[in-house]
């Protein structure tokens, strides 16, 4: 698999970023979350590494943001 598309949204209750992907082959999927965008990438990479075998890791992770994240400055 060259690429998977991970859906990303913001939890309305907590403001936490939530990511998920459902395996089209029916073997589950993955999900992760983070409070900060800086932690989010690491969490997604870890979730993908746990789900896939070493030789089966996708080459690209496409993030599909359902809504636009807002970064607070200051």
PDB file of N, CA and C in Angstrom:
ATOM      1  N   UNK A   1       0.854  -1.174   0.000  1.00  0.00           N
ATOM      2  CA  UNK A   1       0.000   0.000   0.000  1.00  0.00           C
ATOM      3  C   UNK A   1       0.899   1.236   0.000  1.00  0.00           C
ATOM      4  N   UNK A   2       0.724   2.075  -0.991  1.00  0.00           N
ATOM      5  CA  UNK A   2       1.558   3.268  -1.087  1.00  0.00           C
ATOM      6  C   UNK A   2       1.101   4.392  -0.169  1.00  0.00           C
ATOM      7  N   UNK A   3      -0.214   4.510   0.006  1.00  0.00           N
ATOM      8  CA  UNK A   3      -0.739   5.666   0.744  1.00  0.00           C
ATOM      9  C   UNK A   3      -2.042   5.298   1.437  1.00  0.00           C
ATOM     10  N   UNK A   4      -2.245   5.874   2.609  1.00  0.00           N
ATOM     11  CA  UNK A   4      -3.548   5.794   3.261  1.00  0.00           C
ATOM     12  C   UNK A   4      -3.995   7.208   3.580  1.00  0.00           C
ATOM     13  N   UNK A   5      -5.295   7.410   3.608  1.00  0.00           N
ATOM     14  CA  UNK A   5      -5.848   8.718   3.956  1.00  0.00           C
ATOM     15  C   UNK A   5      -6.460   8.629   5.340  1.00  0.00           C
ATOM     16  N   UNK A   6      -5.936   9.433   6.236  1.00  0.00           N
ATOM     17  CA  UNK A   6      -6.384   9.465   7.621  1.00  0.00           C
ATOM     18  C   UNK A   6      -7.291  10.670   7.795  1.00  0.00           C
ATOM     19  N   UNK A   7      -8.491  10.429   8.312  1.00  0.00           N
ATOM     20  CA  UNK A   7      -9.446  11.507   8.537  1.00  0.00           C
ATOM     21  C   UNK A   7      -9.144  12.178   9.877  1.00  0.00           C
ATOM     22  N   UNK A   8      -9.169  13.515   9.874  1.00  0.00           N
ATOM     23  CA  UNK A   8      -8.856  14.291  11.072  1.00  0.00           C
ATOM     24  C   UNK A   8      -9.996  15.260  11.346  1.00  0.00           C
ATOM     25  N   UNK A   9     -10.426  15.294  12.585  1.00  0.00           N
ATOM     26  CA  UNK A   9     -11.433  16.279  12.984  1.00  0.00           C
ATOM     27  C   UNK A   9     -11.111  16.766  14.391  1.00  0.00           C
ATOM     28  N   UNK A  10     -11.851  17.773  14.814  1.00  0.00           N
ATOM     29  CA  UNK A  10     -11.700  18.319  16.149  1.00  0.00           C
ATOM     30  C   UNK A  10     -12.904  17.901  16.985  1.00  0.00           C
ATOM     31  N   UNK A  11     -12.645  17.355  18.159  1.00  0.00           N
ATOM     32  CA  UNK A  11     -13.726  16.974  19.066  1.00  0.00           C
ATOM     33  C   UNK A  11     -14.432  18.240  19.540  1.00  0.00           C
ATOM     34  N   UNK A  12     -15.727  18.312  19.335  1.00  0.00           N
ATOM     35  CA  UNK A  12     -16.482  19.505  19.719  1.00  0.00           C
ATOM     36  C   UNK A  12     -16.481  19.738  21.223  1.00  0.00           C
ATOM     37  N   UNK A  13     -16.431  18.673  22.005  1.00  0.00           N
ATOM     38  CA  UNK A  13     -16.485  18.799  23.466  1.00  0.00           C
ATOM     39  C   UNK A  13     -15.164  19.232  24.083  1.00  0.00           C
ATOM     40  N   UNK A  14     -14.052  18.688  23.566  1.00  0.00           N
ATOM     41  CA  UNK A  14     -12.754  18.929  24.204  1.00  0.00           C
ATOM     42  C   UNK A  14     -11.789  19.770  23.386  1.00  0.00           C
ATOM     43  N   UNK A  15     -12.048  19.895  22.081  1.00  0.00           N
ATOM     44  CA  UNK A  15     -11.118  20.614  21.211  1.00  0.00           C
ATOM     45  C   UNK A  15      -9.912  19.773  20.800  1.00  0.00           C
ATOM     46  N   UNK A  16      -9.886  18.520  21.213  1.00  0.00           N
ATOM     47  CA  UNK A  16      -8.794  17.607  20.896  1.00  0.00           C
ATOM     48  C   UNK A  16      -8.842  17.221  19.420  1.00  0.00           C
ATOM     49  N   UNK A  17      -7.680  17.119  18.795  1.00  0.00           N
ATOM     50  CA  UNK A  17      -7.597  16.621  17.424  1.00  0.00           C
ATOM     51  C   UNK A  17      -7.730  15.105  17.454  1.00  0.00           C
ATOM     52  N   UNK A  18      -8.593  14.570  16.597  1.00  0.00           N
ATOM     53  CA  UNK A  18      -8.855  13.135  16.543  1.00  0.00           C
ATOM     54  C   UNK A  18      -8.594  12.658  15.120  1.00  0.00           C
ATOM     55  N   UNK A  19      -7.861  11.545  14.980  1.00  0.00           N
ATOM     56  CA  UNK A  19      -7.564  10.967  13.667  1.00  0.00           C
ATOM     57  C   UNK A  19      -8.005   9.523  13.648  1.00  0.00           C
ATOM     58  N   UNK A  20      -8.536   9.077  12.494  1.00  0.00           N
ATOM     59  CA  UNK A  20      -8.914   7.672  12.355  1.00  0.00           C
ATOM     60  C   UNK A  20      -8.802   7.226  10.909  1.00  0.00           C
ATOM     61  N   UNK A  21      -8.611   5.923  10.774  1.00  0.00           N
ATOM     62  CA  UNK A  21      -8.551   5.267   9.469  1.00  0.00           C
ATOM     63  C   UNK A  21      -9.113   3.867   9.644  1.00  0.00           C
ATOM     64  N   UNK A  22     -10.058   3.490   8.776  1.00  0.00           N
ATOM     65  CA  UNK A  22     -10.636   2.157   8.791  1.00  0.00           C
ATOM     66  C   UNK A  22      -9.975   1.328   7.708  1.00  0.00           C
ATOM     67  N   UNK A  23      -9.420   0.196   8.090  1.00  0.00           N
ATOM     68  CA  UNK A  23      -8.748  -0.682   7.139  1.00  0.00           C
ATOM     69  C   UNK A  23      -9.761  -1.253   6.157  1.00  0.00           C
ATOM     70  N   UNK A  24      -9.619  -0.981   4.853  1.00  0.00           N
ATOM     71  CA  UNK A  24     -10.586  -1.489   3.878  1.00  0.00           C
ATOM     72  C   UNK A  24     -10.584  -3.016   3.785  1.00  0.00           C
ATOM     73  N   UNK A  25      -9.519  -3.658   4.269  1.00  0.00           N
ATOM     74  CA  UNK A  25      -9.456  -5.110   4.261  1.00  0.00           C
ATOM     75  C   UNK A  25     -10.219  -5.741   5.411  1.00  0.00           C
ATOM     76  N   UNK A  26     -10.798  -4.915   6.268  1.00  0.00           N
ATOM     77  CA  UNK A  26     -11.609  -5.409   7.364  1.00  0.00           C
ATOM     78  C   UNK A  26     -10.837  -5.818   8.603  1.00  0.00           C
ATOM     79  N   UNK A  27      -9.559  -5.509   8.668  1.00  0.00           N
ATOM     80  CA  UNK A  27      -8.791  -5.878   9.861  1.00  0.00           C
ATOM     81  C   UNK A  27      -8.631  -4.687  10.805  1.00  0.00           C
ATOM     82  N   UNK A  28      -9.766  -4.106  11.165  1.00  0.00           N
ATOM     83  CA  UNK A  28      -9.747  -3.012  12.134  1.00  0.00           C
ATOM     84  C   UNK A  28      -9.433  -1.675  11.515  1.00  0.00           C
ATOM     85  N   UNK A  29      -8.502  -1.000  12.099  1.00  0.00           N
ATOM     86  CA  UNK A  29      -8.128   0.328  11.665  1.00  0.00           C
ATOM     87  C   UNK A  29      -7.264   0.943  12.732  1.00  0.00           C
ATOM     88  N   UNK A  30      -7.203   2.257  12.737  1.00  0.00           N
ATOM     89  CA  UNK A  30      -6.425   2.933  13.769  1.00  0.00           C
ATOM     90  C   UNK A  30      -7.101   4.237  14.143  1.00  0.00           C
ATOM     91  N   UNK A  31      -6.790   4.679  15.336  1.00  0.00           N
ATOM     92  CA  UNK A  31      -7.263   5.982  15.796  1.00  0.00           C
ATOM     93  C   UNK A  31      -6.284   6.511  16.827  1.00  0.00           C
ATOM     94  N   UNK A  32      -6.224   7.819  16.908  1.00  0.00           N
ATOM     95  CA  UNK A  32      -5.357   8.465  17.884  1.00  0.00           C
ATOM     96  C   UNK A  32      -5.864   9.883  18.092  1.00  0.00           C
ATOM     97  N   UNK A  33      -5.344  10.533  19.086  1.00  0.00           N
ATOM     98  CA  UNK A  33      -5.740  11.919  19.357  1.00  0.00           C
ATOM     99  C   UNK A  33      -4.602  12.652  20.050  1.00  0.00           C
ATOM    100  N   UNK A  34      -4.698  13.970  20.055  1.00  0.00           N
ATOM    101  CA  UNK A  34      -3.702  14.801  20.737  1.00  0.00           C
ATOM    102  C   UNK A  34      -4.305  16.169  20.999  1.00  0.00           C
ATOM    103  N   UNK A  35      -3.837  16.795  22.044  1.00  0.00           N
ATOM    104  CA  UNK A  35      -4.293  18.148  22.381  1.00  0.00           C
ATOM    105  C   UNK A  35      -3.602  19.202  21.539  1.00  0.00           C
ATOM    106  N   UNK A  36      -2.366  18.899  21.117  1.00  0.00           N
ATOM    107  CA  UNK A  36      -1.593  19.883  20.368  1.00  0.00           C
ATOM    108  C   UNK A  36      -1.187  19.321  19.013  1.00  0.00           C
ATOM    109  N   UNK A  37      -1.173  20.175  18.020  1.00  0.00           N
ATOM    110  CA  UNK A  37      -0.781  19.784  16.668  1.00  0.00           C
ATOM    111  C   UNK A  37       0.645  19.238  16.651  1.00  0.00           C
ATOM    112  N   UNK A  38       1.507  19.782  17.502  1.00  0.00           N
ATOM    113  CA  UNK A  38       2.892  19.329  17.541  1.00  0.00           C
ATOM    114  C   UNK A  38       3.011  17.869  17.992  1.00  0.00           C
ATOM    115  N   UNK A  39       2.100  17.397  18.832  1.00  0.00           N
ATOM    116  CA  UNK A  39       2.104  16.004  19.277  1.00  0.00           C
ATOM    117  C   UNK A  39       1.348  15.094  18.310  1.00  0.00           C
ATOM    118  N   UNK A  40       0.499  15.673  17.506  1.00  0.00           N
ATOM    119  CA  UNK A  40      -0.411  14.910  16.658  1.00  0.00           C
ATOM    120  C   UNK A  40       0.328  14.055  15.631  1.00  0.00           C
ATOM    121  N   UNK A  41       1.316  14.637  14.957  1.00  0.00           N
ATOM    122  CA  UNK A  41       2.061  13.897  13.932  1.00  0.00           C
ATOM    123  C   UNK A  41       2.737  12.670  14.545  1.00  0.00           C
ATOM    124  N   UNK A  42       3.369  12.847  15.692  1.00  0.00           N
ATOM    125  CA  UNK A  42       4.033  11.731  16.351  1.00  0.00           C
ATOM    126  C   UNK A  42       3.030  10.630  16.695  1.00  0.00           C
ATOM    127  N   UNK A  43       1.877  11.006  17.223  1.00  0.00           N
ATOM    128  CA  UNK A  43       0.859  10.024  17.594  1.00  0.00           C
ATOM    129  C   UNK A  43       0.339   9.258  16.378  1.00  0.00           C
ATOM    130  N   UNK A  44       0.157   9.951  15.263  1.00  0.00           N
ATOM    131  CA  UNK A  44      -0.311   9.292  14.040  1.00  0.00           C
ATOM    132  C   UNK A  44       0.732   8.291  13.558  1.00  0.00           C
ATOM    133  N   UNK A  45       1.988   8.700  13.522  1.00  0.00           N
ATOM    134  CA  UNK A  45       3.058   7.800  13.073  1.00  0.00           C
ATOM    135  C   UNK A  45       3.144   6.559  13.968  1.00  0.00           C
ATOM    136  N   UNK A  46       2.997   6.736  15.276  1.00  0.00           N
ATOM    137  CA  UNK A  46       3.035   5.604  16.204  1.00  0.00           C
ATOM    138  C   UNK A  46       1.859   4.661  15.965  1.00  0.00           C
ATOM    139  N   UNK A  47       0.661   5.211  15.752  1.00  0.00           N
ATOM    140  CA  UNK A  47      -0.522   4.381  15.515  1.00  0.00           C
ATOM    141  C   UNK A  47      -0.367   3.575  14.226  1.00  0.00           C
ATOM    142  N   UNK A  48       0.188   4.181  13.192  1.00  0.00           N
ATOM    143  CA  UNK A  48       0.407   3.484  11.923  1.00  0.00           C
ATOM    144  C   UNK A  48       1.443   2.380  12.115  1.00  0.00           C
ATOM    145  N   UNK A  49       2.513   2.668  12.836  1.00  0.00           N
ATOM    146  CA  UNK A  49       3.567   1.676  13.059  1.00  0.00           C
ATOM    147  C   UNK A  49       3.040   0.465  13.824  1.00  0.00           C
ATOM    148  N   UNK A  50       2.104   0.679  14.732  1.00  0.00           N
ATOM    149  CA  UNK A  50       1.526  -0.428  15.496  1.00  0.00           C
ATOM    150  C   UNK A  50       0.586  -1.255  14.626  1.00  0.00           C
ATOM    151  N   UNK A  51      -0.165  -0.611  13.753  1.00  0.00           N
ATOM    152  CA  UNK A  51      -1.165  -1.313  12.947  1.00  0.00           C
ATOM    153  C   UNK A  51      -0.543  -2.180  11.853  1.00  0.00           C
ATOM    154  N   UNK A  52       0.476  -1.661  11.177  1.00  0.00           N
ATOM    155  CA  UNK A  52       1.064  -2.348  10.026  1.00  0.00           C
ATOM    156  C   UNK A  52       2.318  -3.108  10.419  1.00  0.00           C
ATOM    157  N   UNK A  53       2.550  -4.212   9.708  1.00  0.00           N
ATOM    158  CA  UNK A  53       3.814  -4.929   9.850  1.00  0.00           C
ATOM    159  C   UNK A  53       4.915  -4.074   9.229  1.00  0.00           C
ATOM    160  N   UNK A  54       6.124  -4.286   9.658  1.00  0.00           N
ATOM    161  CA  UNK A  54       7.251  -3.453   9.212  1.00  0.00           C
ATOM    162  C   UNK A  54       7.358  -3.358   7.687  1.00  0.00           C
ATOM    163  N   UNK A  55       7.259  -4.429   6.963  1.00  0.00           N
ATOM    164  CA  UNK A  55       7.372  -4.402   5.514  1.00  0.00           C
ATOM    165  C   UNK A  55       6.135  -3.902   4.795  1.00  0.00           C
ATOM    166  N   UNK A  56       5.050  -3.663   5.526  1.00  0.00           N
ATOM    167  CA  UNK A  56       3.781  -3.248   4.923  1.00  0.00           C
ATOM    168  C   UNK A  56       3.426  -1.787   5.195  1.00  0.00           C
ATOM    169  N   UNK A  57       4.310  -1.040   5.825  1.00  0.00           N
ATOM    170  CA  UNK A  57       4.014   0.356   6.141  1.00  0.00           C
ATOM    171  C   UNK A  57       3.735   1.150   4.877  1.00  0.00           C
ATOM    172  N   UNK A  58       2.675   1.972   4.882  1.00  0.00           N
ATOM    173  CA  UNK A  58       2.429   2.829   3.717  1.00  0.00           C
ATOM    174  C   UNK A  58       3.553   3.862   3.581  1.00  0.00           C
ATOM    175  N   UNK A  59       3.836   4.244   2.339  1.00  0.00           N
ATOM    176  CA  UNK A  59       4.899   5.218   2.092  1.00  0.00           C
ATOM    177  C   UNK A  59       4.461   6.633   2.416  1.00  0.00           C
ATOM    178  N   UNK A  60       3.150   6.893   2.272  1.00  0.00           N
ATOM    179  CA  UNK A  60       2.629   8.236   2.525  1.00  0.00           C
ATOM    180  C   UNK A  60       1.391   8.167   3.401  1.00  0.00           C
ATOM    181  N   UNK A  61       1.276   9.151   4.270  1.00  0.00           N
ATOM    182  CA  UNK A  61       0.082   9.307   5.100  1.00  0.00           C
ATOM    183  C   UNK A  61      -0.563  10.625   4.708  1.00  0.00           C
ATOM    184  N   UNK A  62      -1.724  10.543   4.087  1.00  0.00           N
ATOM    185  CA  UNK A  62      -2.444  11.751   3.684  1.00  0.00           C
ATOM    186  C   UNK A  62      -3.436  12.091   4.799  1.00  0.00           C
ATOM    187  N   UNK A  63      -3.391  13.329   5.273  1.00  0.00           N
ATOM    188  CA  UNK A  63      -4.311  13.776   6.315  1.00  0.00           C
ATOM    189  C   UNK A  63      -5.446  14.562   5.679  1.00  0.00           C
ATOM    190  N   UNK A  64      -6.662  14.098   5.891  1.00  0.00           N
ATOM    191  CA  UNK A  64      -7.848  14.786   5.396  1.00  0.00           C
ATOM    192  C   UNK A  64      -8.509  15.484   6.582  1.00  0.00           C
ATOM    193  N   UNK A  65      -8.360  16.814   6.640  1.00  0.00           N
ATOM    194  CA  UNK A  65      -8.942  17.598   7.730  1.00  0.00           C
ATOM    195  C   UNK A  65     -10.400  17.896   7.398  1.00  0.00           C
ATOM    196  N   UNK A  66     -11.290  17.401   8.243  1.00  0.00           N
ATOM    197  CA  UNK A  66     -12.723  17.630   8.056  1.00  0.00           C
ATOM    198  C   UNK A  66     -13.041  19.101   8.323  1.00  0.00           C
ATOM    199  N   UNK A  67     -12.356  19.680   9.296  1.00  0.00           N
ATOM    200  CA  UNK A  67     -12.484  21.108   9.578  1.00  0.00           C
ATOM    201  C   UNK A  67     -11.080  21.677   9.736  1.00  0.00           C
ATOM    202  N   UNK A  68     -10.942  22.960   9.553  1.00  0.00           N
ATOM    203  CA  UNK A  68      -9.625  23.580   9.628  1.00  0.00           C
ATOM    204  C   UNK A  68      -9.202  23.791  11.075  1.00  0.00           C
ATOM    205  N   UNK A  69      -7.983  23.328  11.434  1.00  0.00           N
ATOM    206  CA  UNK A  69      -7.499  23.576  12.792  1.00  0.00           C
ATOM    207  C   UNK A  69      -7.181  25.063  12.970  1.00  0.00           C
ATOM    208  N   UNK A  70      -7.388  25.549  14.160  1.00  0.00           N
ATOM    209  CA  UNK A  70      -7.099  26.944  14.486  1.00  0.00           C
ATOM    210  C   UNK A  70      -5.968  26.949  15.501  1.00  0.00           C
ATOM    211  N   UNK A  71      -4.892  27.673  15.205  1.00  0.00           N
ATOM    212  CA  UNK A  71      -3.767  27.752  16.113  1.00  0.00           C
ATOM    213  C   UNK A  71      -3.874  29.034  16.927  1.00  0.00           C
ATOM    214  N   UNK A  72      -3.741  28.893  18.242  1.00  0.00           N
ATOM    215  CA  UNK A  72      -3.770  30.068  19.123  1.00  0.00           C
ATOM    216  C   UNK A  72      -2.374  30.667  19.181  1.00  0.00           C
ATOM    217  N   UNK A  73      -2.273  31.964  19.030  1.00  0.00           N
ATOM    218  CA  UNK A  73      -1.016  32.657  19.103  1.00  0.00           C
ATOM    219  C   UNK A  73      -1.018  33.509  20.367  1.00  0.00           C
ATOM    220  N   UNK A  74      -0.034  33.279  21.204  1.00  0.00           N
ATOM    221  CA  UNK A  74       0.146  34.007  22.473  1.00  0.00           C
ATOM    222  C   UNK A  74      -0.694  33.513  23.588  1.00  0.00           C
TER     223      UNK A  74
END
